[in-house]
Amino acid sequence: IDPVEIKWEVSPGSGNLRGETTFTETRTPTSSLRL
């Protein structure tokens, strides 16, 4: 089972964030994904 990277971007003006911000999280699916 291969791990995956989830990336998302938060646009300027969102909350207290300044400038475009990209976040990345690594997750590994469980074997139940086959079902």
Full PDB file with SEQRES, HELIX, SHEET, SSBOND, CRYST1, ORIGX, SCALE, CONECT and MASTER records, all heavy atoms in Angstrom:
SEQRES   1 A   35  ILE ASP PRO VAL GLU ILE LYS TRP GLU VAL SER PRO GLY          
SEQRES   2 A   35  SER GLY ASN LEU ARG GLY GLU THR THR PHE THR GLU THR          
SEQRES   3 A   35  ARG THR PRO THR SER SER LEU ARG LEU                          
HELIX    1 AA1 SER A   31  ARG A   34  5                                   4    
SHEET    1 AA1 2 VAL A   4  VAL A  10  0                                        
SHEET    2 AA1 2 THR A  21  ARG A  27 -1                                        
CRYST1    1.000    1.000    1.000  90.00  90.00  90.00 P 1           1          
ORIGX1      1.000000  0.000000  0.000000        0.00000                         
ORIGX2      0.000000  1.000000  0.000000        0.00000                         
ORIGX3      0.000000  0.000000  1.000000        0.00000                         
SCALE1      1.000000  0.000000  0.000000        0.00000                         
SCALE2      0.000000  1.000000  0.000000        0.00000                         
SCALE3      0.000000  0.000000  1.000000        0.00000                         
ATOM      1  N   ILE A   1       0.862  -1.176   0.000  1.00  0.00           N  
ATOM      2  CA  ILE A   1       0.000   0.000   0.000  1.00  0.00           C  
ATOM      3  C   ILE A   1       0.896   1.222   0.000  1.00  0.00           C  
ATOM      4  O   ILE A   1       1.693   1.418   0.917  1.00  0.00           O  
ATOM      5  CB  ILE A   1      -0.931   0.014   1.222  1.00  0.00           C  
ATOM      6  CG1 ILE A   1      -1.830  -1.227   1.216  1.00  0.00           C  
ATOM      7  CG2 ILE A   1      -1.778   1.276   1.244  1.00  0.00           C  
ATOM      8  CD1 ILE A   1      -2.750  -1.321   2.419  1.00  0.00           C  
ATOM      9  N   ASP A   2       0.781   2.044  -1.044  1.00  0.00           N  
ATOM     10  CA  ASP A   2       1.645   3.211  -1.169  1.00  0.00           C  
ATOM     11  C   ASP A   2       1.089   4.393  -0.374  1.00  0.00           C  
ATOM     12  O   ASP A   2      -0.120   4.635  -0.370  1.00  0.00           O  
ATOM     13  CB  ASP A   2       1.773   3.629  -2.635  1.00  0.00           C  
ATOM     14  CG  ASP A   2       2.544   2.604  -3.460  1.00  0.00           C  
ATOM     15  OD1 ASP A   2       3.178   1.720  -2.856  1.00  0.00           O  
ATOM     16  OD2 ASP A   2       2.502   2.703  -4.709  1.00  0.00           O  
ATOM     17  N   PRO A   3       1.954   5.152   0.283  1.00  0.00           N  
ATOM     18  CA  PRO A   3       1.500   6.396   0.931  1.00  0.00           C  
ATOM     19  C   PRO A   3       1.184   7.445  -0.121  1.00  0.00           C  
ATOM     20  O   PRO A   3       1.673   7.380  -1.254  1.00  0.00           O  
ATOM     21  CB  PRO A   3       2.707   6.800   1.787  1.00  0.00           C  
ATOM     22  CG  PRO A   3       3.882   6.206   1.077  1.00  0.00           C  
ATOM     23  CD  PRO A   3       3.402   4.914   0.466  1.00  0.00           C  
ATOM     24  N   VAL A   4       0.374   8.402   0.250  1.00  0.00           N  
ATOM     25  CA  VAL A   4       0.012   9.485  -0.670  1.00  0.00           C  
ATOM     26  C   VAL A   4       0.290  10.826  -0.007  1.00  0.00           C  
ATOM     27  O   VAL A   4       0.367  10.929   1.220  1.00  0.00           O  
ATOM     28  CB  VAL A   4      -1.480   9.415  -1.081  1.00  0.00           C  
ATOM     29  CG1 VAL A   4      -1.790   8.082  -1.738  1.00  0.00           C  
ATOM     30  CG2 VAL A   4      -2.386   9.660   0.116  1.00  0.00           C  
ATOM     31  N   GLU A   5       0.442  11.833  -0.833  1.00  0.00           N  
ATOM     32  CA  GLU A   5       0.578  13.207  -0.357  1.00  0.00           C  
ATOM     33  C   GLU A   5      -0.672  13.984  -0.742  1.00  0.00           C  
ATOM     34  O   GLU A   5      -1.087  13.974  -1.907  1.00  0.00           O  
ATOM     35  CB  GLU A   5       1.812  13.876  -0.958  1.00  0.00           C  
ATOM     36  CG  GLU A   5       3.113  13.482  -0.287  1.00  0.00           C  
ATOM     37  CD  GLU A   5       4.282  14.324  -0.764  1.00  0.00           C  
ATOM     38  OE1 GLU A   5       4.164  14.967  -1.835  1.00  0.00           O  
ATOM     39  OE2 GLU A   5       5.315  14.344  -0.061  1.00  0.00           O  
ATOM     40  N   ILE A   6      -1.259  14.637   0.235  1.00  0.00           N  
ATOM     41  CA  ILE A   6      -2.434  15.482   0.001  1.00  0.00           C  
ATOM     42  C   ILE A   6      -1.976  16.928   0.092  1.00  0.00           C  
ATOM     43  O   ILE A   6      -1.431  17.356   1.106  1.00  0.00           O  
ATOM     44  CB  ILE A   6      -3.530  15.190   1.038  1.00  0.00           C  
ATOM     45  CG1 ILE A   6      -3.867  13.704   1.037  1.00  0.00           C  
ATOM     46  CG2 ILE A   6      -4.772  16.031   0.771  1.00  0.00           C  
ATOM     47  CD1 ILE A   6      -4.759  13.293   2.179  1.00  0.00           C  
ATOM     48  N   LYS A   7      -2.193  17.683  -0.989  1.00  0.00           N  
ATOM     49  CA  LYS A   7      -1.773  19.084  -1.036  1.00  0.00           C  
ATOM     50  C   LYS A   7      -2.991  19.967  -1.234  1.00  0.00           C  
ATOM     51  O   LYS A   7      -3.889  19.630  -2.005  1.00  0.00           O  
ATOM     52  CB  LYS A   7      -0.768  19.305  -2.174  1.00  0.00           C  
ATOM     53  CG  LYS A   7       0.554  18.567  -2.004  1.00  0.00           C  
ATOM     54  CD  LYS A   7       1.511  18.899  -3.138  1.00  0.00           C  
ATOM     55  CE  LYS A   7       2.844  18.179  -2.966  1.00  0.00           C  
ATOM     56  NZ  LYS A   7       3.792  18.502  -4.058  1.00  0.00           N  
ATOM     57  N   TRP A   8      -3.011  21.085  -0.534  1.00  0.00           N  
ATOM     58  CA  TRP A   8      -4.081  22.058  -0.744  1.00  0.00           C  
ATOM     59  C   TRP A   8      -3.560  23.465  -0.511  1.00  0.00           C  
ATOM     60  O   TRP A   8      -2.573  23.666   0.189  1.00  0.00           O  
ATOM     61  CB  TRP A   8      -5.294  21.759   0.143  1.00  0.00           C  
ATOM     62  CG  TRP A   8      -5.117  21.927   1.612  1.00  0.00           C  
ATOM     63  CD1 TRP A   8      -5.506  22.998   2.383  1.00  0.00           C  
ATOM     64  CD2 TRP A   8      -4.538  20.987   2.540  1.00  0.00           C  
ATOM     65  NE1 TRP A   8      -5.208  22.793   3.706  1.00  0.00           N  
ATOM     66  CE2 TRP A   8      -4.620  21.563   3.840  1.00  0.00           C  
ATOM     67  CE3 TRP A   8      -3.956  19.725   2.404  1.00  0.00           C  
ATOM     68  CZ2 TRP A   8      -4.143  20.920   4.981  1.00  0.00           C  
ATOM     69  CZ3 TRP A   8      -3.487  19.083   3.543  1.00  0.00           C  
ATOM     70  CH2 TRP A   8      -3.581  19.682   4.804  1.00  0.00           C  
ATOM     71  N   GLU A   9      -4.216  24.411  -1.139  1.00  0.00           N  
ATOM     72  CA  GLU A   9      -3.785  25.799  -1.087  1.00  0.00           C  
ATOM     73  C   GLU A   9      -4.873  26.665  -0.470  1.00  0.00           C  
ATOM     74  O   GLU A   9      -6.056  26.511  -0.783  1.00  0.00           O  
ATOM     75  CB  GLU A   9      -3.454  26.323  -2.490  1.00  0.00           C  
ATOM     76  CG  GLU A   9      -2.270  25.632  -3.136  1.00  0.00           C  
ATOM     77  CD  GLU A   9      -1.958  26.186  -4.508  1.00  0.00           C  
ATOM     78  OE1 GLU A   9      -2.792  26.948  -5.032  1.00  0.00           O  
ATOM     79  OE2 GLU A   9      -0.881  25.881  -5.044  1.00  0.00           O  
ATOM     80  N   VAL A  10      -4.463  27.562   0.391  1.00  0.00           N  
ATOM     81  CA  VAL A  10      -5.373  28.532   1.003  1.00  0.00           C  
ATOM     82  C   VAL A  10      -5.078  29.895   0.401  1.00  0.00           C  
ATOM     83  O   VAL A  10      -3.934  30.349   0.410  1.00  0.00           O  
ATOM     84  CB  VAL A  10      -5.211  28.563   2.537  1.00  0.00           C  
ATOM     85  CG1 VAL A  10      -6.154  29.591   3.141  1.00  0.00           C  
ATOM     86  CG2 VAL A  10      -5.469  27.185   3.123  1.00  0.00           C  
ATOM     87  N   SER A  11      -6.087  30.517  -0.157  1.00  0.00           N  
ATOM     88  CA  SER A  11      -5.906  31.779  -0.877  1.00  0.00           C  
ATOM     89  C   SER A  11      -5.634  32.936   0.080  1.00  0.00           C  
ATOM     90  O   SER A  11      -5.972  32.876   1.274  1.00  0.00           O  
ATOM     91  CB  SER A  11      -7.147  32.099  -1.707  1.00  0.00           C  
ATOM     92  OG  SER A  11      -7.393  31.066  -2.632  1.00  0.00           O  
ATOM     93  N   PRO A  12      -5.065  34.026  -0.409  1.00  0.00           N  
ATOM     94  CA  PRO A  12      -4.840  35.214   0.427  1.00  0.00           C  
ATOM     95  C   PRO A  12      -6.149  35.740   0.989  1.00  0.00           C  
ATOM     96  O   PRO A  12      -7.196  35.673   0.348  1.00  0.00           O  
ATOM     97  CB  PRO A  12      -4.223  36.211  -0.555  1.00  0.00           C  
ATOM     98  CG  PRO A  12      -3.644  35.375  -1.644  1.00  0.00           C  
ATOM     99  CD  PRO A  12      -4.537  34.183  -1.766  1.00  0.00           C  
ATOM    100  N   GLY A  13      -6.083  36.253   2.189  1.00  0.00           N  
ATOM    101  CA  GLY A  13      -7.268  36.813   2.818  1.00  0.00           C  
ATOM    102  C   GLY A  13      -8.079  35.803   3.591  1.00  0.00           C  
ATOM    103  O   GLY A  13      -9.113  36.141   4.154  1.00  0.00           O  
ATOM    104  N   SER A  14      -7.632  34.535   3.612  1.00  0.00           N  
ATOM    105  CA  SER A  14      -8.346  33.511   4.357  1.00  0.00           C  
ATOM    106  C   SER A  14      -7.889  33.521   5.806  1.00  0.00           C  
ATOM    107  O   SER A  14      -6.741  33.207   6.111  1.00  0.00           O  
ATOM    108  CB  SER A  14      -8.086  32.123   3.748  1.00  0.00           C  
ATOM    109  OG  SER A  14      -8.560  32.083   2.430  1.00  0.00           O  
ATOM    110  N   GLY A  15      -8.766  33.904   6.704  1.00  0.00           N  
ATOM    111  CA  GLY A  15      -8.420  33.938   8.117  1.00  0.00           C  
ATOM    112  C   GLY A  15      -7.319  34.936   8.381  1.00  0.00           C  
ATOM    113  O   GLY A  15      -7.299  36.047   7.871  1.00  0.00           O  
ATOM    114  N   ASN A  16      -6.329  34.508   9.158  1.00  0.00           N  
ATOM    115  CA  ASN A  16      -5.200  35.380   9.490  1.00  0.00           C  
ATOM    116  C   ASN A  16      -3.989  35.097   8.619  1.00  0.00           C  
ATOM    117  O   ASN A  16      -2.893  35.576   8.893  1.00  0.00           O  
ATOM    118  CB  ASN A  16      -4.825  35.183  10.974  1.00  0.00           C  
ATOM    119  CG  ASN A  16      -5.950  35.628  11.887  1.00  0.00           C  
ATOM    120  OD1 ASN A  16      -6.627  36.608  11.605  1.00  0.00           O  
ATOM    121  ND2 ASN A  16      -6.141  34.915  12.985  1.00  0.00           N  
ATOM    122  N   LEU A  17      -4.187  34.270   7.546  1.00  0.00           N  
ATOM    123  CA  LEU A  17      -3.061  33.917   6.711  1.00  0.00           C  
ATOM    124  C   LEU A  17      -2.731  35.047   5.752  1.00  0.00           C  
ATOM    125  O   LEU A  17      -3.604  35.747   5.268  1.00  0.00           O  
ATOM    126  CB  LEU A  17      -3.383  32.634   5.922  1.00  0.00           C  
ATOM    127  CG  LEU A  17      -3.672  31.402   6.783  1.00  0.00           C  
ATOM    128  CD1 LEU A  17      -4.115  30.247   5.896  1.00  0.00           C  
ATOM    129  CD2 LEU A  17      -2.438  31.012   7.567  1.00  0.00           C  
ATOM    130  N   ARG A  18      -1.455  35.208   5.443  1.00  0.00           N  
ATOM    131  CA  ARG A  18      -1.007  36.245   4.529  1.00  0.00           C  
ATOM    132  C   ARG A  18      -0.306  35.572   3.349  1.00  0.00           C  
ATOM    133  O   ARG A  18       0.653  34.849   3.527  1.00  0.00           O  
ATOM    134  CB  ARG A  18      -0.048  37.210   5.228  1.00  0.00           C  
ATOM    135  CG  ARG A  18      -0.702  37.983   6.374  1.00  0.00           C  
ATOM    136  CD  ARG A  18       0.291  38.925   7.028  1.00  0.00           C  
ATOM    137  NE  ARG A  18      -0.330  39.676   8.103  1.00  0.00           N  
ATOM    138  CZ  ARG A  18       0.329  40.547   8.868  1.00  0.00           C  
ATOM    139  NH1 ARG A  18       1.620  40.762   8.660  1.00  0.00           N  
ATOM    140  NH2 ARG A  18      -0.299  41.187   9.837  1.00  0.00           N  
ATOM    141  N   GLY A  19      -0.785  35.838   2.159  1.00  0.00           N  
ATOM    142  CA  GLY A  19      -0.189  35.238   0.985  1.00  0.00           C  
ATOM    143  C   GLY A  19      -0.694  33.826   0.746  1.00  0.00           C  
ATOM    144  O   GLY A  19      -1.284  33.202   1.615  1.00  0.00           O  
ATOM    145  N   GLU A  20      -0.467  33.328  -0.459  1.00  0.00           N  
ATOM    146  CA  GLU A  20      -0.880  31.967  -0.815  1.00  0.00           C  
ATOM    147  C   GLU A  20      -0.085  30.967   0.012  1.00  0.00           C  
ATOM    148  O   GLU A  20       1.140  31.033   0.090  1.00  0.00           O  
ATOM    149  CB  GLU A  20      -0.647  31.736  -2.309  1.00  0.00           C  
ATOM    150  CG  GLU A  20      -1.222  30.434  -2.821  1.00  0.00           C  
ATOM    151  CD  GLU A  20      -2.610  30.620  -3.383  1.00  0.00           C  
ATOM    152  OE1 GLU A  20      -3.124  31.754  -3.372  1.00  0.00           O  
ATOM    153  OE2 GLU A  20      -3.174  29.620  -3.837  1.00  0.00           O  
ATOM    154  N   THR A  21      -0.773  30.046   0.633  1.00  0.00           N  
ATOM    155  CA  THR A  21      -0.114  29.074   1.497  1.00  0.00           C  
ATOM    156  C   THR A  21      -0.478  27.669   1.045  1.00  0.00           C  
ATOM    157  O   THR A  21      -1.656  27.358   0.863  1.00  0.00           O  
ATOM    158  CB  THR A  21      -0.529  29.262   2.961  1.00  0.00           C  
ATOM    159  OG1 THR A  21      -0.258  30.614   3.339  1.00  0.00           O  
ATOM    160  CG2 THR A  21       0.242  28.327   3.865  1.00  0.00           C  
ATOM    161  N   THR A  22       0.536  26.838   0.843  1.00  0.00           N  
ATOM    162  CA  THR A  22       0.331  25.459   0.434  1.00  0.00           C  
ATOM    163  C   THR A  22       0.658  24.531   1.590  1.00  0.00           C  
ATOM    164  O   THR A  22       1.701  24.663   2.233  1.00  0.00           O  
ATOM    165  CB  THR A  22       1.219  25.108  -0.777  1.00  0.00           C  
ATOM    166  OG1 THR A  22       0.908  25.993  -1.859  1.00  0.00           O  
ATOM    167  CG2 THR A  22       0.974  23.684  -1.218  1.00  0.00           C  
ATOM    168  N   PHE A  23      -0.243  23.598   1.838  1.00  0.00           N  
ATOM    169  CA  PHE A  23      -0.045  22.628   2.905  1.00  0.00           C  
ATOM    170  C   PHE A  23       0.042  21.232   2.309  1.00  0.00           C  
ATOM    171  O   PHE A  23      -0.592  20.925   1.295  1.00  0.00           O  
ATOM    172  CB  PHE A  23      -1.205  22.674   3.907  1.00  0.00           C  
ATOM    173  CG  PHE A  23      -1.370  24.026   4.567  1.00  0.00           C  
ATOM    174  CD1 PHE A  23      -2.311  24.924   4.109  1.00  0.00           C  
ATOM    175  CD2 PHE A  23      -0.571  24.383   5.640  1.00  0.00           C  
ATOM    176  CE1 PHE A  23      -2.471  26.163   4.704  1.00  0.00           C  
ATOM    177  CE2 PHE A  23      -0.715  25.621   6.246  1.00  0.00           C  
ATOM    178  CZ  PHE A  23      -1.670  26.514   5.771  1.00  0.00           C  
ATOM    179  N   THR A  24       0.851  20.388   2.943  1.00  0.00           N  
ATOM    180  CA  THR A  24       1.033  19.013   2.484  1.00  0.00           C  
ATOM    181  C   THR A  24       0.980  18.065   3.675  1.00  0.00           C  
ATOM    182  O   THR A  24       1.636  18.311   4.694  1.00  0.00           O  
ATOM    183  CB  THR A  24       2.381  18.843   1.758  1.00  0.00           C  
ATOM    184  OG1 THR A  24       2.441  19.745   0.654  1.00  0.00           O  
ATOM    185  CG2 THR A  24       2.537  17.412   1.252  1.00  0.00           C  
ATOM    186  N   GLU A  25       0.193  17.022   3.547  1.00  0.00           N  
ATOM    187  CA  GLU A  25       0.114  15.992   4.579  1.00  0.00           C  
ATOM    188  C   GLU A  25       0.286  14.628   3.910  1.00  0.00           C  
ATOM    189  O   GLU A  25      -0.215  14.397   2.806  1.00  0.00           O  
ATOM    190  CB  GLU A  25      -1.236  16.029   5.302  1.00  0.00           C  
ATOM    191  CG  GLU A  25      -1.419  17.218   6.232  1.00  0.00           C  
ATOM    192  CD  GLU A  25      -0.659  17.065   7.544  1.00  0.00           C  
ATOM    193  OE1 GLU A  25      -0.251  15.923   7.850  1.00  0.00           O  
ATOM    194  OE2 GLU A  25      -0.483  18.073   8.252  1.00  0.00           O  
ATOM    195  N   THR A  26       1.001  13.744   4.580  1.00  0.00           N  
ATOM    196  CA  THR A  26       1.190  12.377   4.082  1.00  0.00           C  
ATOM    197  C   THR A  26       0.260  11.421   4.827  1.00  0.00           C  
ATOM    198  O   THR A  26       0.187  11.465   6.054  1.00  0.00           O  
ATOM    199  CB  THR A  26       2.651  11.924   4.254  1.00  0.00           C  
ATOM    200  OG1 THR A  26       3.510  12.792   3.509  1.00  0.00           O  
ATOM    201  CG2 THR A  26       2.834  10.490   3.765  1.00  0.00           C  
ATOM    202  N   ARG A  27      -0.454  10.605   4.079  1.00  0.00           N  
ATOM    203  CA  ARG A  27      -1.348   9.616   4.666  1.00  0.00           C  
ATOM    204  C   ARG A  27      -1.150   8.279   3.950  1.00  0.00           C  
ATOM    205  O   ARG A  27      -0.866   8.234   2.754  1.00  0.00           O  
ATOM    206  CB  ARG A  27      -2.807  10.045   4.532  1.00  0.00           C  
ATOM    207  CG  ARG A  27      -3.179  11.292   5.326  1.00  0.00           C  
ATOM    208  CD  ARG A  27      -3.190  11.014   6.822  1.00  0.00           C  
ATOM    209  NE  ARG A  27      -3.595  12.179   7.587  1.00  0.00           N  
ATOM    210  CZ  ARG A  27      -2.765  13.083   8.078  1.00  0.00           C  
ATOM    211  NH1 ARG A  27      -1.457  12.940   7.870  1.00  0.00           N  
ATOM    212  NH2 ARG A  27      -3.212  14.121   8.762  1.00  0.00           N  
ATOM    213  N   THR A  28      -1.311   7.199   4.708  1.00  0.00           N  
ATOM    214  CA  THR A  28      -1.227   5.856   4.141  1.00  0.00           C  
ATOM    215  C   THR A  28      -2.584   5.185   4.267  1.00  0.00           C  
ATOM    216  O   THR A  28      -3.104   5.042   5.383  1.00  0.00           O  
ATOM    217  CB  THR A  28      -0.167   5.009   4.869  1.00  0.00           C  
ATOM    218  OG1 THR A  28       1.104   5.653   4.767  1.00  0.00           O  
ATOM    219  CG2 THR A  28      -0.081   3.618   4.259  1.00  0.00           C  
ATOM    220  N   PRO A  29      -3.182   4.778   3.149  1.00  0.00           N  
ATOM    221  CA  PRO A  29      -4.498   4.139   3.208  1.00  0.00           C  
ATOM    222  C   PRO A  29      -4.448   2.830   3.995  1.00  0.00           C  
ATOM    223  O   PRO A  29      -3.414   2.170   4.062  1.00  0.00           O  
ATOM    224  CB  PRO A  29      -4.834   3.876   1.734  1.00  0.00           C  
ATOM    225  CG  PRO A  29      -3.941   4.788   0.960  1.00  0.00           C  
ATOM    226  CD  PRO A  29      -2.697   4.947   1.770  1.00  0.00           C  
ATOM    227  N   THR A  30      -5.576   2.479   4.573  1.00  0.00           N  
ATOM    228  CA  THR A  30      -5.701   1.175   5.223  1.00  0.00           C  
ATOM    229  C   THR A  30      -6.089   0.141   4.167  1.00  0.00           C  
ATOM    230  O   THR A  30      -6.557   0.479   3.075  1.00  0.00           O  
ATOM    231  CB  THR A  30      -6.770   1.207   6.324  1.00  0.00           C  
ATOM    232  OG1 THR A  30      -8.040   1.557   5.736  1.00  0.00           O  
ATOM    233  CG2 THR A  30      -6.418   2.236   7.384  1.00  0.00           C  
ATOM    234  N   SER A  31      -5.905  -1.126   4.501  1.00  0.00           N  
ATOM    235  CA  SER A  31      -6.187  -2.194   3.541  1.00  0.00           C  
ATOM    236  C   SER A  31      -7.660  -2.258   3.159  1.00  0.00           C  
ATOM    237  O   SER A  31      -8.013  -2.803   2.106  1.00  0.00           O  
ATOM    238  CB  SER A  31      -5.745  -3.540   4.119  1.00  0.00           C  
ATOM    239  OG  SER A  31      -6.419  -3.813   5.345  1.00  0.00           O  
ATOM    240  N   SER A  32      -8.534  -1.678   3.999  1.00  0.00           N  
ATOM    241  CA  SER A  32      -9.966  -1.711   3.701  1.00  0.00           C  
ATOM    242  C   SER A  32     -10.316  -0.835   2.501  1.00  0.00           C  
ATOM    243  O   SER A  32     -11.457  -0.859   2.032  1.00  0.00           O  
ATOM    244  CB  SER A  32     -10.781  -1.267   4.922  1.00  0.00           C  
ATOM    245  OG  SER A  32     -10.485   0.075   5.269  1.00  0.00           O  
ATOM    246  N   LEU A  33      -9.346  -0.071   1.979  1.00  0.00           N  
ATOM    247  CA  LEU A  33      -9.602   0.731   0.789  1.00  0.00           C  
ATOM    248  C   LEU A  33     -10.002  -0.168  -0.377  1.00  0.00           C  
ATOM    249  O   LEU A  33     -10.758   0.242  -1.259  1.00  0.00           O  
ATOM    250  CB  LEU A  33      -8.365   1.555   0.433  1.00  0.00           C  
ATOM    251  CG  LEU A  33      -8.448   2.397  -0.849  1.00  0.00           C  
ATOM    252  CD1 LEU A  33      -9.585   3.420  -0.749  1.00  0.00           C  
ATOM    253  CD2 LEU A  33      -7.129   3.097  -1.137  1.00  0.00           C  
ATOM    254  N   ARG A  34      -9.508  -1.411  -0.387  1.00  0.00           N  
ATOM    255  CA  ARG A  34      -9.850  -2.344  -1.462  1.00  0.00           C  
ATOM    256  C   ARG A  34     -11.347  -2.629  -1.504  1.00  0.00           C  
ATOM    257  O   ARG A  34     -11.887  -3.015  -2.538  1.00  0.00           O  
ATOM    258  CB  ARG A  34      -9.079  -3.652  -1.284  1.00  0.00           C  
ATOM    259  CG  ARG A  34      -7.572  -3.525  -1.464  1.00  0.00           C  
ATOM    260  CD  ARG A  34      -6.904  -4.853  -1.230  1.00  0.00           C  
ATOM    261  NE  ARG A  34      -7.157  -5.328   0.134  1.00  0.00           N  
ATOM    262  CZ  ARG A  34      -7.115  -6.602   0.502  1.00  0.00           C  
ATOM    263  NH1 ARG A  34      -6.909  -7.535  -0.403  1.00  0.00           N  
ATOM    264  NH2 ARG A  34      -7.311  -6.938   1.757  1.00  0.00           N  
ATOM    265  N   LEU A  35     -12.027  -2.464  -0.364  1.00  0.00           N  
ATOM    266  CA  LEU A  35     -13.453  -2.756  -0.277  1.00  0.00           C  
ATOM    267  C   LEU A  35     -14.310  -1.503  -0.317  1.00  0.00           C  
ATOM    268  O   LEU A  35     -15.536  -1.589  -0.297  1.00  0.00           O  
ATOM    269  CB  LEU A  35     -13.745  -3.506   1.032  1.00  0.00           C  
ATOM    270  CG  LEU A  35     -12.880  -4.734   1.314  1.00  0.00           C  
ATOM    271  CD1 LEU A  35     -13.171  -5.266   2.709  1.00  0.00           C  
ATOM    272  CD2 LEU A  35     -13.116  -5.809   0.277  1.00  0.00           C  
TER     273      LEU A  35                                                      
MASTER        0    0    0    1    2    0    0    6  272    1    0    3          
END                                                                             
